[in-house]
């Protein structure tokens, strides 16, 4: 059995430790974020009008976003590195499927998915490892499938580590992250940059990508 990378163990342990508080923090958070909801709705419409197939939220946390994707008409399920988060997700949403797993080594068949959502879930990944994540997203997506990324944008700076409240995270220039996805075989459909609200520190980036056929 291959041992997970140290940063994966660190991330899982950190989210296990704050899982209950985190679930409380994110509950209802989309209600005050109309632009975020619009990006999610656009992703859902594109997925629904393409080939049939499930959508995986990778790094699903306590399951609130997976449930939102389901409410948008998608056959959605969630995967997260933190066992405690998965327990909370299953308790809160017993009608949905949740599994413990890592985004860099998914227990999914090639081309099994019609969509992937990574909502602030690659933010803890060291920059040098990001290409391997995009390669795994491409492996599990069917041709023409869609990928939605949400992340902290670096606002003109290079990739920058910062003191995320859970564990070290990274802010990315949107063009650089889009370029890495393009190298992995994704075509950009659209992007959205949102300025931080009063209770937020950083600009938010969103990339909507389609896998080349």
C-alpha atoms as a PDB file:
ATOM      1  CA  UNK A   1       0.000   0.000   0.000  1.00  0.00           C
ATOM      2  CA  UNK A   2       1.356   3.430  -1.019  1.00  0.00           C
ATOM      3  CA  UNK A   3       1.584   5.886   1.868  1.00  0.00           C
ATOM      4  CA  UNK A   4      -0.140   9.235   1.194  1.00  0.00           C
ATOM      5  CA  UNK A   5       2.017  12.318   0.810  1.00  0.00           C
ATOM      6  CA  UNK A   6       2.722  14.158   4.073  1.00  0.00           C
ATOM      7  CA  UNK A   7       0.682  17.199   3.002  1.00  0.00           C
ATOM      8  CA  UNK A   8      -2.353  14.964   2.439  1.00  0.00           C
ATOM      9  CA  UNK A   9      -2.095  13.533   5.952  1.00  0.00           C
ATOM     10  CA  UNK A  10      -1.632  17.048   7.341  1.00  0.00           C
ATOM     11  CA  UNK A  11      -4.679  18.335   5.454  1.00  0.00           C
ATOM     12  CA  UNK A  12      -6.889  15.412   6.477  1.00  0.00           C
ATOM     13  CA  UNK A  13      -5.893  15.697  10.136  1.00  0.00           C
ATOM     14  CA  UNK A  14      -6.421  19.473  10.116  1.00  0.00           C
ATOM     15  CA  UNK A  15      -9.931  19.201   8.678  1.00  0.00           C
ATOM     16  CA  UNK A  16     -10.825  16.310  10.967  1.00  0.00           C
ATOM     17  CA  UNK A  17      -9.961  18.560  13.915  1.00  0.00           C
ATOM     18  CA  UNK A  18     -12.221  21.438  12.827  1.00  0.00           C
ATOM     19  CA  UNK A  19     -14.924  19.525  10.963  1.00  0.00           C
ATOM     20  CA  UNK A  20     -17.854  20.357  13.242  1.00  0.00           C
ATOM     21  CA  UNK A  21     -17.005  24.070  13.414  1.00  0.00           C
ATOM     22  CA  UNK A  22     -16.363  24.158   9.674  1.00  0.00           C
ATOM     23  CA  UNK A  23     -19.750  22.584   8.931  1.00  0.00           C
ATOM     24  CA  UNK A  24     -21.430  25.282  11.010  1.00  0.00           C
ATOM     25  CA  UNK A  25     -19.426  28.011   9.263  1.00  0.00           C
ATOM     26  CA  UNK A  26     -20.346  26.967   5.706  1.00  0.00           C
ATOM     27  CA  UNK A  27     -23.992  26.140   6.383  1.00  0.00           C
ATOM     28  CA  UNK A  28     -26.081  28.498   4.246  1.00  0.00           C
ATOM     29  CA  UNK A  29     -22.979  30.322   2.997  1.00  0.00           C
ATOM     30  CA  UNK A  30     -24.150  30.307  -0.635  1.00  0.00           C
ATOM     31  CA  UNK A  31     -27.263  32.282   0.262  1.00  0.00           C
ATOM     32  CA  UNK A  32     -25.300  35.564   0.288  1.00  0.00           C
ATOM     33  CA  UNK A  33     -23.154  34.772  -2.780  1.00  0.00           C
ATOM     34  CA  UNK A  34     -25.193  35.390  -5.961  1.00  0.00           C
ATOM     35  CA  UNK A  35     -22.175  35.353  -8.289  1.00  0.00           C
ATOM     36  CA  UNK A  36     -20.982  32.026  -6.915  1.00  0.00           C
ATOM     37  CA  UNK A  37     -24.474  30.594  -7.358  1.00  0.00           C
ATOM     38  CA  UNK A  38     -24.524  31.867 -10.934  1.00  0.00           C
ATOM     39  CA  UNK A  39     -21.264  30.067 -11.774  1.00  0.00           C
ATOM     40  CA  UNK A  40     -22.589  26.855 -10.242  1.00  0.00           C
ATOM     41  CA  UNK A  41     -25.852  27.207 -12.171  1.00  0.00           C
ATOM     42  CA  UNK A  42     -23.974  27.712 -15.447  1.00  0.00           C
ATOM     43  CA  UNK A  43     -21.866  24.611 -14.747  1.00  0.00           C
ATOM     44  CA  UNK A  44     -25.000  22.590 -13.956  1.00  0.00           C
ATOM     45  CA  UNK A  45     -26.740  23.696 -17.143  1.00  0.00           C
ATOM     46  CA  UNK A  46     -23.740  22.756 -19.275  1.00  0.00           C
ATOM     47  CA  UNK A  47     -23.520  19.335 -17.625  1.00  0.00           C
ATOM     48  CA  UNK A  48     -27.254  18.669 -17.910  1.00  0.00           C
ATOM     49  CA  UNK A  49     -27.262  19.479 -21.635  1.00  0.00           C
ATOM     50  CA  UNK A  50     -24.232  17.328 -22.451  1.00  0.00           C
ATOM     51  CA  UNK A  51     -23.872  13.563 -22.190  1.00  0.00           C
ATOM     52  CA  UNK A  52     -25.457  11.837 -19.206  1.00  0.00           C
ATOM     53  CA  UNK A  53     -23.299  10.891 -16.262  1.00  0.00           C
ATOM     54  CA  UNK A  54     -22.630  11.616 -12.591  1.00  0.00           C
ATOM     55  CA  UNK A  55     -20.850  14.640 -11.152  1.00  0.00           C
ATOM     56  CA  UNK A  56     -18.287  14.361  -8.360  1.00  0.00           C
ATOM     57  CA  UNK A  57     -17.586  17.133  -5.912  1.00  0.00           C
ATOM     58  CA  UNK A  58     -13.970  16.539  -4.946  1.00  0.00           C
ATOM     59  CA  UNK A  59     -13.150  17.889  -1.509  1.00  0.00           C
ATOM     60  CA  UNK A  60     -16.812  17.962  -0.545  1.00  0.00           C
ATOM     61  CA  UNK A  61     -16.379  18.730   3.150  1.00  0.00           C
ATOM     62  CA  UNK A  62     -19.664  18.405   5.049  1.00  0.00           C
ATOM     63  CA  UNK A  63     -21.659  17.965   1.839  1.00  0.00           C
ATOM     64  CA  UNK A  64     -23.475  21.301   1.540  1.00  0.00           C
ATOM     65  CA  UNK A  65     -22.182  21.958  -1.987  1.00  0.00           C
ATOM     66  CA  UNK A  66     -22.914  18.404  -3.148  1.00  0.00           C
ATOM     67  CA  UNK A  67     -26.489  18.914  -1.961  1.00  0.00           C
ATOM     68  CA  UNK A  68     -26.651  22.216  -3.874  1.00  0.00           C
ATOM     69  CA  UNK A  69     -25.482  20.465  -7.036  1.00  0.00           C
ATOM     70  CA  UNK A  70     -28.205  17.858  -6.515  1.00  0.00           C
ATOM     71  CA  UNK A  71     -30.749  20.660  -6.142  1.00  0.00           C
ATOM     72  CA  UNK A  72     -29.548  22.021  -9.502  1.00  0.00           C
ATOM     73  CA  UNK A  73     -30.604  18.749 -11.112  1.00  0.00           C
ATOM     74  CA  UNK A  74     -27.297  16.890 -11.161  1.00  0.00           C
ATOM     75  CA  UNK A  75     -26.546  13.294 -10.213  1.00  0.00           C
ATOM     76  CA  UNK A  76     -23.964  14.434  -7.664  1.00  0.00           C
ATOM     77  CA  UNK A  77     -21.861  12.663  -5.066  1.00  0.00           C
ATOM     78  CA  UNK A  78     -18.977  13.781  -2.848  1.00  0.00           C
ATOM     79  CA  UNK A  79     -15.445  12.660  -2.036  1.00  0.00           C
ATOM     80  CA  UNK A  80     -13.255  14.088   0.718  1.00  0.00           C
ATOM     81  CA  UNK A  81      -9.923  13.315   2.336  1.00  0.00           C
ATOM     82  CA  UNK A  82     -11.296  13.850   5.864  1.00  0.00           C
ATOM     83  CA  UNK A  83     -13.193  10.884   7.365  1.00  0.00           C
ATOM     84  CA  UNK A  84     -14.861  13.161   9.925  1.00  0.00           C
ATOM     85  CA  UNK A  85     -16.125  15.450   7.161  1.00  0.00           C
ATOM     86  CA  UNK A  86     -17.557  12.445   5.328  1.00  0.00           C
ATOM     87  CA  UNK A  87     -19.320  11.285   8.505  1.00  0.00           C
ATOM     88  CA  UNK A  88     -20.891  14.749   8.870  1.00  0.00           C
ATOM     89  CA  UNK A  89     -21.900  14.798   5.192  1.00  0.00           C
ATOM     90  CA  UNK A  90     -23.585  11.406   5.444  1.00  0.00           C
ATOM     91  CA  UNK A  91     -25.415  12.475   8.595  1.00  0.00           C
ATOM     92  CA  UNK A  92     -26.631  15.756   7.083  1.00  0.00           C
ATOM     93  CA  UNK A  93     -27.516  14.328   3.661  1.00  0.00           C
ATOM     94  CA  UNK A  94     -28.356  10.621   4.042  1.00  0.00           C
ATOM     95  CA  UNK A  95     -29.887  10.539   0.569  1.00  0.00           C
ATOM     96  CA  UNK A  96     -26.559  11.342  -1.095  1.00  0.00           C
ATOM     97  CA  UNK A  97     -23.407   9.297  -1.658  1.00  0.00           C
ATOM     98  CA  UNK A  98     -20.185  10.324   0.094  1.00  0.00           C
ATOM     99  CA  UNK A  99     -16.834   8.551   0.119  1.00  0.00           C
ATOM    100  CA  UNK A 100     -13.412   9.043   1.700  1.00  0.00           C
ATOM    101  CA  UNK A 101     -10.792   9.494  -0.983  1.00  0.00           C
ATOM    102  CA  UNK A 102      -8.003  11.634  -2.393  1.00  0.00           C
ATOM    103  CA  UNK A 103      -8.333  13.805  -5.488  1.00  0.00           C
ATOM    104  CA  UNK A 104      -4.981  12.658  -6.821  1.00  0.00           C
ATOM    105  CA  UNK A 105      -5.923   8.953  -6.833  1.00  0.00           C
ATOM    106  CA  UNK A 106      -9.664   8.543  -7.311  1.00  0.00           C
ATOM    107  CA  UNK A 107     -11.303   5.132  -7.069  1.00  0.00           C
ATOM    108  CA  UNK A 108     -13.235   5.834 -10.273  1.00  0.00           C
ATOM    109  CA  UNK A 109     -13.111   4.334 -13.746  1.00  0.00           C
ATOM    110  CA  UNK A 110     -11.676   6.194 -16.717  1.00  0.00           C
ATOM    111  CA  UNK A 111     -14.322   8.477 -18.220  1.00  0.00           C
ATOM    112  CA  UNK A 112     -16.869   7.696 -15.498  1.00  0.00           C
ATOM    113  CA  UNK A 113     -17.900  11.288 -14.801  1.00  0.00           C
ATOM    114  CA  UNK A 114     -19.684  13.984 -16.761  1.00  0.00           C
ATOM    115  CA  UNK A 115     -18.589  16.707 -14.362  1.00  0.00           C
ATOM    116  CA  UNK A 116     -16.090  17.529 -11.621  1.00  0.00           C
ATOM    117  CA  UNK A 117     -16.395  20.347  -9.104  1.00  0.00           C
ATOM    118  CA  UNK A 118     -13.328  21.356  -7.107  1.00  0.00           C
ATOM    119  CA  UNK A 119     -14.667  24.132  -4.866  1.00  0.00           C
ATOM    120  CA  UNK A 120     -11.688  25.539  -2.936  1.00  0.00           C
ATOM    121  CA  UNK A 121     -10.365  21.984  -2.633  1.00  0.00           C
ATOM    122  CA  UNK A 122      -7.035  22.199  -4.485  1.00  0.00           C
ATOM    123  CA  UNK A 123      -6.019  25.236  -2.442  1.00  0.00           C
ATOM    124  CA  UNK A 124      -3.906  23.171  -0.024  1.00  0.00           C
ATOM    125  CA  UNK A 125      -2.073  21.329  -2.812  1.00  0.00           C
ATOM    126  CA  UNK A 126       1.600  22.308  -3.268  1.00  0.00           C
ATOM    127  CA  UNK A 127       1.929  24.069  -6.656  1.00  0.00           C
ATOM    128  CA  UNK A 128       4.241  21.397  -8.094  1.00  0.00           C
ATOM    129  CA  UNK A 129       1.546  18.755  -7.521  1.00  0.00           C
ATOM    130  CA  UNK A 130      -1.299  20.587  -9.286  1.00  0.00           C
ATOM    131  CA  UNK A 131      -0.577  19.088 -12.761  1.00  0.00           C
ATOM    132  CA  UNK A 132      -1.044  15.559 -11.366  1.00  0.00           C
ATOM    133  CA  UNK A 133      -4.452  16.580 -10.001  1.00  0.00           C
ATOM    134  CA  UNK A 134      -5.533  17.965 -13.360  1.00  0.00           C
ATOM    135  CA  UNK A 135      -4.354  14.756 -15.010  1.00  0.00           C
ATOM    136  CA  UNK A 136      -6.520  12.740 -12.616  1.00  0.00           C
ATOM    137  CA  UNK A 137      -9.531  14.994 -13.273  1.00  0.00           C
ATOM    138  CA  UNK A 138      -9.037  14.428 -16.989  1.00  0.00           C
ATOM    139  CA  UNK A 139      -8.777  10.649 -16.502  1.00  0.00           C
ATOM    140  CA  UNK A 140     -12.132  10.332 -14.744  1.00  0.00           C
ATOM    141  CA  UNK A 141     -14.038  12.748 -17.013  1.00  0.00           C
ATOM    142  CA  UNK A 142     -15.760  11.587 -20.172  1.00  0.00           C
ATOM    143  CA  UNK A 143     -14.869  13.461 -23.387  1.00  0.00           C
ATOM    144  CA  UNK A 144     -16.667  16.798 -23.335  1.00  0.00           C
ATOM    145  CA  UNK A 145     -17.150  16.634 -19.558  1.00  0.00           C
ATOM    146  CA  UNK A 146     -16.878  19.829 -17.523  1.00  0.00           C
ATOM    147  CA  UNK A 147     -14.630  20.939 -14.657  1.00  0.00           C
ATOM    148  CA  UNK A 148     -15.397  23.812 -12.289  1.00  0.00           C
ATOM    149  CA  UNK A 149     -12.602  25.192 -10.112  1.00  0.00           C
ATOM    150  CA  UNK A 150     -12.974  27.725  -7.298  1.00  0.00           C
ATOM    151  CA  UNK A 151      -9.867  29.094  -5.608  1.00  0.00           C
ATOM    152  CA  UNK A 152      -8.237  32.113  -3.987  1.00  0.00           C
ATOM    153  CA  UNK A 153      -6.852  34.411  -6.699  1.00  0.00           C
ATOM    154  CA  UNK A 154      -3.438  36.038  -6.233  1.00  0.00           C
ATOM    155  CA  UNK A 155      -4.392  39.535  -7.503  1.00  0.00           C
ATOM    156  CA  UNK A 156      -1.378  40.038  -9.757  1.00  0.00           C
ATOM    157  CA  UNK A 157       1.119  38.241  -7.529  1.00  0.00           C
ATOM    158  CA  UNK A 158       2.765  34.861  -8.310  1.00  0.00           C
ATOM    159  CA  UNK A 159       1.545  31.716  -6.569  1.00  0.00           C
ATOM    160  CA  UNK A 160       1.534  32.676  -2.910  1.00  0.00           C
ATOM    161  CA  UNK A 161       1.223  30.571   0.247  1.00  0.00           C
ATOM    162  CA  UNK A 162      -0.916  32.018   3.025  1.00  0.00           C
ATOM    163  CA  UNK A 163      -2.070  31.170   6.518  1.00  0.00           C
ATOM    164  CA  UNK A 164      -5.446  29.600   5.845  1.00  0.00           C
ATOM    165  CA  UNK A 165      -7.361  29.071   9.095  1.00  0.00           C
ATOM    166  CA  UNK A 166      -7.206  25.270   8.718  1.00  0.00           C
ATOM    167  CA  UNK A 167      -3.808  24.615   7.127  1.00  0.00           C
ATOM    168  CA  UNK A 168      -1.414  26.219   4.643  1.00  0.00           C
ATOM    169  CA  UNK A 169      -3.069  27.163   1.357  1.00  0.00           C
ATOM    170  CA  UNK A 170      -2.075  28.856  -1.911  1.00  0.00           C
ATOM    171  CA  UNK A 171      -3.396  31.758  -3.955  1.00  0.00           C
ATOM    172  CA  UNK A 172      -3.100  31.377  -7.731  1.00  0.00           C
ATOM    173  CA  UNK A 173      -2.953  33.783 -10.686  1.00  0.00           C
ATOM    174  CA  UNK A 174      -6.022  32.852 -12.683  1.00  0.00           C
ATOM    175  CA  UNK A 175      -4.118  32.810 -15.995  1.00  0.00           C
ATOM    176  CA  UNK A 176      -1.479  30.432 -14.617  1.00  0.00           C
ATOM    177  CA  UNK A 177      -4.039  27.994 -13.232  1.00  0.00           C
ATOM    178  CA  UNK A 178      -5.990  28.122 -16.506  1.00  0.00           C
ATOM    179  CA  UNK A 179      -2.748  27.456 -18.387  1.00  0.00           C
ATOM    180  CA  UNK A 180      -1.975  24.356 -16.331  1.00  0.00           C
ATOM    181  CA  UNK A 181      -5.499  23.057 -16.944  1.00  0.00           C
ATOM    182  CA  UNK A 182      -5.022  23.707 -20.653  1.00  0.00           C
ATOM    183  CA  UNK A 183      -1.808  21.694 -20.650  1.00  0.00           C
ATOM    184  CA  UNK A 184      -3.781  18.829 -19.102  1.00  0.00           C
ATOM    185  CA  UNK A 185      -6.270  18.859 -21.977  1.00  0.00           C
ATOM    186  CA  UNK A 186      -8.971  21.259 -20.781  1.00  0.00           C
ATOM    187  CA  UNK A 187     -10.461  24.088 -22.828  1.00  0.00           C
ATOM    188  CA  UNK A 188     -11.605  27.197 -21.004  1.00  0.00           C
ATOM    189  CA  UNK A 189     -15.328  27.929 -21.270  1.00  0.00           C
ATOM    190  CA  UNK A 190     -15.426  30.956 -18.981  1.00  0.00           C
ATOM    191  CA  UNK A 191     -14.068  32.582 -15.853  1.00  0.00           C
ATOM    192  CA  UNK A 192     -15.295  34.779 -13.033  1.00  0.00           C
ATOM    193  CA  UNK A 193     -13.324  36.911 -10.597  1.00  0.00           C
ATOM    194  CA  UNK A 194     -15.152  38.130  -7.513  1.00  0.00           C
ATOM    195  CA  UNK A 195     -13.809  40.821  -5.225  1.00  0.00           C
ATOM    196  CA  UNK A 196     -13.687  39.902  -1.518  1.00  0.00           C
ATOM    197  CA  UNK A 197     -16.632  40.743   0.687  1.00  0.00           C
ATOM    198  CA  UNK A 198     -16.121  42.603   3.951  1.00  0.00           C
ATOM    199  CA  UNK A 199     -15.588  39.327   5.816  1.00  0.00           C
ATOM    200  CA  UNK A 200     -13.170  37.893   3.220  1.00  0.00           C
ATOM    201  CA  UNK A 201      -9.446  38.514   2.750  1.00  0.00           C
ATOM    202  CA  UNK A 202      -8.817  37.651  -0.893  1.00  0.00           C
ATOM    203  CA  UNK A 203     -10.278  37.855  -4.375  1.00  0.00           C
ATOM    204  CA  UNK A 204     -12.025  34.661  -5.481  1.00  0.00           C
ATOM    205  CA  UNK A 205     -11.326  32.966  -8.802  1.00  0.00           C
ATOM    206  CA  UNK A 206     -13.572  30.592 -10.738  1.00  0.00           C
ATOM    207  CA  UNK A 207     -12.680  28.664 -13.889  1.00  0.00           C
ATOM    208  CA  UNK A 208     -15.168  26.692 -15.975  1.00  0.00           C
ATOM    209  CA  UNK A 209     -13.405  24.215 -18.243  1.00  0.00           C
ATOM    210  CA  UNK A 210     -14.406  21.532 -20.729  1.00  0.00           C
ATOM    211  CA  UNK A 211     -12.386  18.413 -21.468  1.00  0.00           C
ATOM    212  CA  UNK A 212     -11.238  18.268 -25.082  1.00  0.00           C
ATOM    213  CA  UNK A 213     -12.842  15.497 -27.133  1.00  0.00           C
END
